[in-house]
Amino acid sequence: MQKVKPYDFTTEDPWRIFRIMAEFVDGFDELSQIGPAITVFGSSRTRPGDKYYKLAEETTELLSKNGYSIITGAGAGIMEAANKGAKKGGRVSIGLNIQVPIIQKPNRFITKLIDFRYFFCRKVMFVKYAKAFVIFPGGFGTMDEFFEAITLIQTKRIEKFPVILVGTEYWQSLVDWMKEAMLENDRVVKKDLALFQIADTPEQVLKNIKGFYSNTK
């Protein structure tokens, strides 16, 4: 005789609301006291010998020494490099880890780790406590964070803040496509392409962030 599986109410949608609420409450509680922070994105496939790994580490070390904590997605590659730079710079090195079927092991340079089950809860935390997004070369996830940020700014769902793409050689062809396909076909307006900037050095990244906030005072 087949054994009947016991009913598990925690798998029902109403119960998921409580899990979602708990993730928001934990995230707000953990991050509300970190002070000014920068969120860094980029590919988890980037290896330590890659020039962008080194650039991410140098950039976040400089940002940390200038008073910014660093937030990443907690994984390998650019995230690891950014957390490493933050730790070297003496600021809080934060990792917002995601529980996915392909297990992501948090990198060893994180000083504050928060786990998330839901992508959308985690994405809120990336934005809510960031003074800027600094975005290194990456794949679909990186593109998702970039386009969501500029969409939220464009639609005035959040206040404008610096969104900085690092690496002209990687990003320029995408920007050229935006101009040729989107702008010329009236899918965006010219001012939309000013919602982000491109930088190539840690100093340029810091200058762009400082310049933005000095102009908004």
C-alpha atoms as a PDB file:
ATOM      1  CA  MET A   1       0.000   0.000   0.000  1.00  0.00           C
ATOM      2  CA  GLN A   2       1.348   3.371  -1.031  1.00  0.00           C
ATOM      3  CA  LYS A   3       2.138   5.675   1.841  1.00  0.00           C
ATOM      4  CA  VAL A   4       0.272   9.000   1.728  1.00  0.00           C
ATOM      5  CA  LYS A   5       2.588  11.981   1.880  1.00  0.00           C
ATOM      6  CA  PRO A   6       1.642  14.239   4.814  1.00  0.00           C
ATOM      7  CA  TYR A   7       0.251  17.661   3.970  1.00  0.00           C
ATOM      8  CA  ASP A   8       2.870  20.383   4.302  1.00  0.00           C
ATOM      9  CA  PHE A   9       1.253  23.812   4.685  1.00  0.00           C
ATOM     10  CA  THR A  10       4.645  25.541   4.335  1.00  0.00           C
ATOM     11  CA  THR A  11       4.610  24.805   0.603  1.00  0.00           C
ATOM     12  CA  GLU A  12       1.423  26.823   0.055  1.00  0.00           C
ATOM     13  CA  ASP A  13       1.557  30.371  -1.348  1.00  0.00           C
ATOM     14  CA  PRO A  14       0.159  32.142   1.751  1.00  0.00           C
ATOM     15  CA  TRP A  15       2.961  30.665   3.865  1.00  0.00           C
ATOM     16  CA  ARG A  16       5.548  31.887   1.347  1.00  0.00           C
ATOM     17  CA  ILE A  17       4.485  35.429   2.171  1.00  0.00           C
ATOM     18  CA  PHE A  18       5.905  34.978   5.662  1.00  0.00           C
ATOM     19  CA  ARG A  19       9.209  33.703   4.271  1.00  0.00           C
ATOM     20  CA  ILE A  20       9.365  36.685   1.927  1.00  0.00           C
ATOM     21  CA  MET A  21       8.601  39.082   4.771  1.00  0.00           C
ATOM     22  CA  ALA A  22      11.301  37.454   6.883  1.00  0.00           C
ATOM     23  CA  GLU A  23      13.902  37.979   4.149  1.00  0.00           C
ATOM     24  CA  PHE A  24      13.025  41.660   3.881  1.00  0.00           C
ATOM     25  CA  VAL A  25      13.083  42.136   7.656  1.00  0.00           C
ATOM     26  CA  ASP A  26      16.435  40.358   8.015  1.00  0.00           C
ATOM     27  CA  GLY A  27      17.937  42.277   5.111  1.00  0.00           C
ATOM     28  CA  PHE A  28      16.759  45.665   6.378  1.00  0.00           C
ATOM     29  CA  ASP A  29      17.948  44.858   9.892  1.00  0.00           C
ATOM     30  CA  GLU A  30      21.409  43.709   8.780  1.00  0.00           C
ATOM     31  CA  LEU A  31      22.073  46.530   6.299  1.00  0.00           C
ATOM     32  CA  SER A  32      20.416  49.582   7.820  1.00  0.00           C
ATOM     33  CA  GLN A  33      23.471  50.476   9.920  1.00  0.00           C
ATOM     34  CA  ILE A  34      26.284  49.920   7.405  1.00  0.00           C
ATOM     35  CA  GLY A  35      26.561  53.564   6.330  1.00  0.00           C
ATOM     36  CA  PRO A  36      27.328  54.637   2.750  1.00  0.00           C
ATOM     37  CA  ALA A  37      27.832  51.633   0.481  1.00  0.00           C
ATOM     38  CA  ILE A  38      28.557  50.804  -3.148  1.00  0.00           C
ATOM     39  CA  THR A  39      27.092  47.758  -4.873  1.00  0.00           C
ATOM     40  CA  VAL A  40      29.426  45.984  -7.294  1.00  0.00           C
ATOM     41  CA  PHE A  41      28.365  43.574 -10.037  1.00  0.00           C
ATOM     42  CA  GLY A  42      30.283  41.454 -12.536  1.00  0.00           C
ATOM     43  CA  SER A  43      30.864  37.956 -13.791  1.00  0.00           C
ATOM     44  CA  SER A  44      31.415  35.089 -11.379  1.00  0.00           C
ATOM     45  CA  ARG A  45      33.519  33.478 -14.146  1.00  0.00           C
ATOM     46  CA  THR A  46      36.263  36.111 -13.926  1.00  0.00           C
ATOM     47  CA  ARG A  47      39.482  34.495 -12.720  1.00  0.00           C
ATOM     48  CA  PRO A  48      42.083  36.023 -10.367  1.00  0.00           C
ATOM     49  CA  GLY A  49      44.543  36.459 -13.251  1.00  0.00           C
ATOM     50  CA  ASP A  50      42.062  38.488 -15.315  1.00  0.00           C
ATOM     51  CA  LYS A  51      42.695  42.230 -15.586  1.00  0.00           C
ATOM     52  CA  TYR A  52      39.125  42.973 -14.502  1.00  0.00           C
ATOM     53  CA  TYR A  53      39.555  40.912 -11.333  1.00  0.00           C
ATOM     54  CA  LYS A  54      42.531  43.082 -10.404  1.00  0.00           C
ATOM     55  CA  LEU A  55      40.682  46.251 -11.427  1.00  0.00           C
ATOM     56  CA  ALA A  56      37.665  45.323  -9.282  1.00  0.00           C
ATOM     57  CA  GLU A  57      39.904  44.659  -6.285  1.00  0.00           C
ATOM     58  CA  GLU A  58      41.761  47.961  -6.733  1.00  0.00           C
ATOM     59  CA  THR A  59      38.543  49.892  -7.260  1.00  0.00           C
ATOM     60  CA  THR A  60      36.825  48.629  -4.139  1.00  0.00           C
ATOM     61  CA  GLU A  61      39.944  49.074  -2.043  1.00  0.00           C
ATOM     62  CA  LEU A  62      40.009  52.737  -3.110  1.00  0.00           C
ATOM     63  CA  LEU A  63      36.295  53.153  -2.476  1.00  0.00           C
ATOM     64  CA  SER A  64      36.654  51.538   0.943  1.00  0.00           C
ATOM     65  CA  LYS A  65      39.483  53.854   1.891  1.00  0.00           C
ATOM     66  CA  ASN A  66      37.156  56.724   0.977  1.00  0.00           C
ATOM     67  CA  GLY A  67      34.458  55.599   3.402  1.00  0.00           C
ATOM     68  CA  TYR A  68      32.280  53.205   1.407  1.00  0.00           C
ATOM     69  CA  SER A  69      31.285  49.697   2.414  1.00  0.00           C
ATOM     70  CA  ILE A  70      31.020  47.258  -0.487  1.00  0.00           C
ATOM     71  CA  ILE A  71      28.041  45.039  -1.354  1.00  0.00           C
ATOM     72  CA  THR A  72      28.278  42.123  -3.803  1.00  0.00           C
ATOM     73  CA  GLY A  73      26.354  38.992  -4.680  1.00  0.00           C
ATOM     74  CA  ALA A  74      28.769  36.974  -2.481  1.00  0.00           C
ATOM     75  CA  GLY A  75      30.082  34.639  -5.172  1.00  0.00           C
ATOM     76  CA  ALA A  76      33.312  34.144  -7.072  1.00  0.00           C
ATOM     77  CA  GLY A  77      34.948  36.216  -9.801  1.00  0.00           C
ATOM     78  CA  ILE A  78      34.308  39.950  -9.720  1.00  0.00           C
ATOM     79  CA  MET A  79      32.291  39.545  -6.523  1.00  0.00           C
ATOM     80  CA  GLU A  80      35.227  37.897  -4.785  1.00  0.00           C
ATOM     81  CA  ALA A  81      37.621  40.569  -6.051  1.00  0.00           C
ATOM     82  CA  ALA A  82      35.313  43.345  -4.844  1.00  0.00           C
ATOM     83  CA  ASN A  83      34.909  41.818  -1.385  1.00  0.00           C
ATOM     84  CA  LYS A  84      38.660  41.308  -1.211  1.00  0.00           C
ATOM     85  CA  GLY A  85      39.292  44.966  -2.021  1.00  0.00           C
ATOM     86  CA  ALA A  86      36.738  46.079   0.550  1.00  0.00           C
ATOM     87  CA  LYS A  87      38.384  43.996   3.246  1.00  0.00           C
ATOM     88  CA  LYS A  88      41.816  45.346   2.342  1.00  0.00           C
ATOM     89  CA  GLY A  89      40.412  48.869   2.471  1.00  0.00           C
ATOM     90  CA  GLY A  90      39.131  48.341   5.996  1.00  0.00           C
ATOM     91  CA  ARG A  91      35.389  48.689   5.399  1.00  0.00           C
ATOM     92  CA  VAL A  92      32.507  46.238   5.752  1.00  0.00           C
ATOM     93  CA  SER A  93      32.639  43.615   2.979  1.00  0.00           C
ATOM     94  CA  ILE A  94      29.067  42.457   2.404  1.00  0.00           C
ATOM     95  CA  GLY A  95      27.846  39.432   0.450  1.00  0.00           C
ATOM     96  CA  LEU A  96      24.187  38.888  -0.424  1.00  0.00           C
ATOM     97  CA  ASN A  97      24.169  35.206  -1.258  1.00  0.00           C
ATOM     98  CA  ILE A  98      21.415  33.506  -3.275  1.00  0.00           C
ATOM     99  CA  GLN A  99      20.256  29.936  -2.763  1.00  0.00           C
ATOM    100  CA  VAL A 100      20.062  28.425  -6.248  1.00  0.00           C
ATOM    101  CA  PRO A 101      20.156  24.839  -7.609  1.00  0.00           C
ATOM    102  CA  ILE A 102      23.703  25.503  -8.847  1.00  0.00           C
ATOM    103  CA  ILE A 103      25.168  26.062  -5.395  1.00  0.00           C
ATOM    104  CA  GLN A 104      27.044  29.323  -4.948  1.00  0.00           C
ATOM    105  CA  LYS A 105      29.691  29.158  -2.268  1.00  0.00           C
ATOM    106  CA  PRO A 106      30.246  32.556  -0.594  1.00  0.00           C
ATOM    107  CA  ASN A 107      33.772  33.876  -1.076  1.00  0.00           C
ATOM    108  CA  ARG A 108      36.158  34.070   1.879  1.00  0.00           C
ATOM    109  CA  PHE A 109      36.556  37.856   1.892  1.00  0.00           C
ATOM    110  CA  ILE A 110      33.042  38.616   3.138  1.00  0.00           C
ATOM    111  CA  THR A 111      32.739  40.070   6.643  1.00  0.00           C
ATOM    112  CA  LYS A 112      28.922  40.256   6.635  1.00  0.00           C
ATOM    113  CA  LEU A 113      26.960  37.503   4.861  1.00  0.00           C
ATOM    114  CA  ILE A 114      23.196  37.451   4.276  1.00  0.00           C
ATOM    115  CA  ASP A 115      21.473  34.524   2.547  1.00  0.00           C
ATOM    116  CA  PHE A 116      18.412  34.911   0.318  1.00  0.00           C
ATOM    117  CA  ARG A 117      15.993  32.403  -1.133  1.00  0.00           C
ATOM    118  CA  TYR A 118      14.208  34.922  -3.359  1.00  0.00           C
ATOM    119  CA  PHE A 119      15.984  36.884  -6.091  1.00  0.00           C
ATOM    120  CA  PHE A 120      13.600  39.842  -5.848  1.00  0.00           C
ATOM    121  CA  CYS A 121      14.238  40.322  -2.105  1.00  0.00           C
ATOM    122  CA  ARG A 122      17.966  40.254  -2.721  1.00  0.00           C
ATOM    123  CA  LYS A 123      17.677  42.748  -5.588  1.00  0.00           C
ATOM    124  CA  VAL A 124      15.858  45.222  -3.362  1.00  0.00           C
ATOM    125  CA  MET A 125      18.793  45.117  -0.934  1.00  0.00           C
ATOM    126  CA  PHE A 126      21.301  45.765  -3.719  1.00  0.00           C
ATOM    127  CA  VAL A 127      19.484  49.007  -4.582  1.00  0.00           C
ATOM    128  CA  LYS A 128      18.144  50.242  -1.255  1.00  0.00           C
ATOM    129  CA  TYR A 129      21.474  50.642   0.510  1.00  0.00           C
ATOM    130  CA  ALA A 130      23.653  51.637  -2.455  1.00  0.00           C
ATOM    131  CA  LYS A 131      25.024  55.091  -3.160  1.00  0.00           C
ATOM    132  CA  ALA A 132      26.130  53.819  -6.575  1.00  0.00           C
ATOM    133  CA  PHE A 133      26.268  50.737  -8.793  1.00  0.00           C
ATOM    134  CA  VAL A 134      29.720  49.877 -10.162  1.00  0.00           C
ATOM    135  CA  ILE A 135      29.349  47.288 -12.890  1.00  0.00           C
ATOM    136  CA  PHE A 136      32.213  45.245 -14.323  1.00  0.00           C
ATOM    137  CA  PRO A 137      32.004  42.954 -17.388  1.00  0.00           C
ATOM    138  CA  GLY A 138      29.518  40.157 -16.833  1.00  0.00           C
ATOM    139  CA  GLY A 139      26.780  37.996 -18.283  1.00  0.00           C
ATOM    140  CA  PHE A 140      22.998  37.819 -18.069  1.00  0.00           C
ATOM    141  CA  GLY A 141      22.799  38.499 -14.328  1.00  0.00           C
ATOM    142  CA  THR A 142      25.041  41.549 -14.609  1.00  0.00           C
ATOM    143  CA  MET A 143      23.011  42.871 -17.550  1.00  0.00           C
ATOM    144  CA  ASP A 144      19.811  42.305 -15.587  1.00  0.00           C
ATOM    145  CA  GLU A 145      21.039  44.413 -12.677  1.00  0.00           C
ATOM    146  CA  PHE A 146      22.303  47.156 -15.002  1.00  0.00           C
ATOM    147  CA  PHE A 147      19.113  47.493 -17.018  1.00  0.00           C
ATOM    148  CA  GLU A 148      16.862  47.227 -13.990  1.00  0.00           C
ATOM    149  CA  ALA A 149      18.757  50.044 -12.270  1.00  0.00           C
ATOM    150  CA  ILE A 150      18.529  52.445 -15.204  1.00  0.00           C
ATOM    151  CA  THR A 151      14.878  51.478 -15.753  1.00  0.00           C
ATOM    152  CA  LEU A 152      14.012  52.316 -12.141  1.00  0.00           C
ATOM    153  CA  ILE A 153      15.807  55.653 -12.493  1.00  0.00           C
ATOM    154  CA  GLN A 154      14.250  56.377 -15.896  1.00  0.00           C
ATOM    155  CA  THR A 155      10.745  55.727 -14.589  1.00  0.00           C
ATOM    156  CA  LYS A 156      11.451  57.687 -11.383  1.00  0.00           C
ATOM    157  CA  ARG A 157      10.706  54.747  -9.147  1.00  0.00           C
ATOM    158  CA  ILE A 158      13.962  55.488  -7.324  1.00  0.00           C
ATOM    159  CA  GLU A 159      16.111  58.586  -6.951  1.00  0.00           C
ATOM    160  CA  LYS A 160      18.881  58.937  -9.502  1.00  0.00           C
ATOM    161  CA  PHE A 161      22.270  57.637  -8.366  1.00  0.00           C
ATOM    162  CA  PRO A 162      25.548  56.864 -10.178  1.00  0.00           C
ATOM    163  CA  VAL A 163      25.527  53.782 -12.408  1.00  0.00           C
ATOM    164  CA  ILE A 164      29.065  53.233 -13.650  1.00  0.00           C
ATOM    165  CA  LEU A 165      30.133  50.654 -16.223  1.00  0.00           C
ATOM    166  CA  VAL A 166      33.806  49.723 -15.873  1.00  0.00           C
ATOM    167  CA  GLY A 167      35.727  48.835 -19.025  1.00  0.00           C
ATOM    168  CA  THR A 168      35.203  50.808 -22.237  1.00  0.00           C
ATOM    169  CA  GLU A 169      36.358  47.940 -24.440  1.00  0.00           C
ATOM    170  CA  TYR A 170      33.663  45.657 -23.021  1.00  0.00           C
ATOM    171  CA  TRP A 171      30.738  48.074 -22.796  1.00  0.00           C
ATOM    172  CA  GLN A 172      31.236  50.435 -25.744  1.00  0.00           C
ATOM    173  CA  SER A 173      29.649  48.154 -28.338  1.00  0.00           C
ATOM    174  CA  LEU A 174      26.531  47.853 -26.170  1.00  0.00           C
ATOM    175  CA  VAL A 175      26.356  51.636 -25.826  1.00  0.00           C
ATOM    176  CA  ASP A 176      26.834  52.025 -29.586  1.00  0.00           C
ATOM    177  CA  TRP A 177      23.942  49.614 -30.150  1.00  0.00           C
ATOM    178  CA  MET A 178      21.754  51.635 -27.791  1.00  0.00           C
ATOM    179  CA  LYS A 179      22.499  54.744 -29.826  1.00  0.00           C
ATOM    180  CA  GLU A 180      22.019  53.111 -33.225  1.00  0.00           C
ATOM    181  CA  ALA A 181      19.077  50.814 -32.506  1.00  0.00           C
ATOM    182  CA  MET A 182      17.274  52.362 -29.538  1.00  0.00           C
ATOM    183  CA  LEU A 183      17.889  56.093 -29.814  1.00  0.00           C
ATOM    184  CA  GLU A 184      17.666  56.377 -33.599  1.00  0.00           C
ATOM    185  CA  ASN A 185      14.449  54.350 -33.629  1.00  0.00           C
ATOM    186  CA  ASP A 186      12.896  56.477 -30.874  1.00  0.00           C
ATOM    187  CA  ARG A 187      12.864  53.703 -28.268  1.00  0.00           C
ATOM    188  CA  VAL A 188      14.666  55.952 -25.764  1.00  0.00           C
ATOM    189  CA  VAL A 189      15.441  59.651 -25.607  1.00  0.00           C
ATOM    190  CA  LYS A 190      18.909  61.175 -25.509  1.00  0.00           C
ATOM    191  CA  LYS A 191      18.812  61.955 -21.789  1.00  0.00           C
ATOM    192  CA  ASP A 192      18.222  58.256 -21.040  1.00  0.00           C
ATOM    193  CA  LEU A 193      21.745  57.523 -22.262  1.00  0.00           C
ATOM    194  CA  ALA A 194      23.048  59.871 -19.581  1.00  0.00           C
ATOM    195  CA  LEU A 195      21.682  57.628 -16.812  1.00  0.00           C
ATOM    196  CA  PHE A 196      25.018  55.791 -16.729  1.00  0.00           C
ATOM    197  CA  GLN A 197      28.705  56.464 -17.276  1.00  0.00           C
ATOM    198  CA  ILE A 198      31.739  54.482 -18.391  1.00  0.00           C
ATOM    199  CA  ALA A 199      35.026  54.488 -16.463  1.00  0.00           C
ATOM    200  CA  ASP A 200      38.316  52.655 -16.891  1.00  0.00           C
ATOM    201  CA  THR A 201      40.224  53.272 -13.657  1.00  0.00           C
ATOM    202  CA  PRO A 202      39.492  53.202  -9.920  1.00  0.00           C
ATOM    203  CA  GLU A 203      40.183  56.917  -9.790  1.00  0.00           C
ATOM    204  CA  GLN A 204      37.596  57.634 -12.491  1.00  0.00           C
ATOM    205  CA  VAL A 205      35.004  55.570 -10.642  1.00  0.00           C
ATOM    206  CA  LEU A 206      35.600  57.460  -7.395  1.00  0.00           C
ATOM    207  CA  LYS A 207      35.628  60.817  -9.211  1.00  0.00           C
ATOM    208  CA  ASN A 208      32.289  60.066 -10.879  1.00  0.00           C
ATOM    209  CA  ILE A 209      30.675  59.128  -7.572  1.00  0.00           C
ATOM    210  CA  LYS A 210      32.060  62.119  -5.703  1.00  0.00           C
ATOM    211  CA  GLY A 211      31.165  64.422  -8.590  1.00  0.00           C
ATOM    212  CA  PHE A 212      27.580  63.213  -8.627  1.00  0.00           C
ATOM    213  CA  TYR A 213      27.043  63.864  -4.926  1.00  0.00           C
ATOM    214  CA  SER A 214      28.849  67.197  -4.895  1.00  0.00           C
ATOM    215  CA  ASN A 215      26.497  68.378  -7.675  1.00  0.00           C
ATOM    216  CA  THR A 216      23.361  67.232  -5.836  1.00  0.00           C
ATOM    217  CA  LYS A 217      24.057  69.095  -2.578  1.00  0.00           C
END
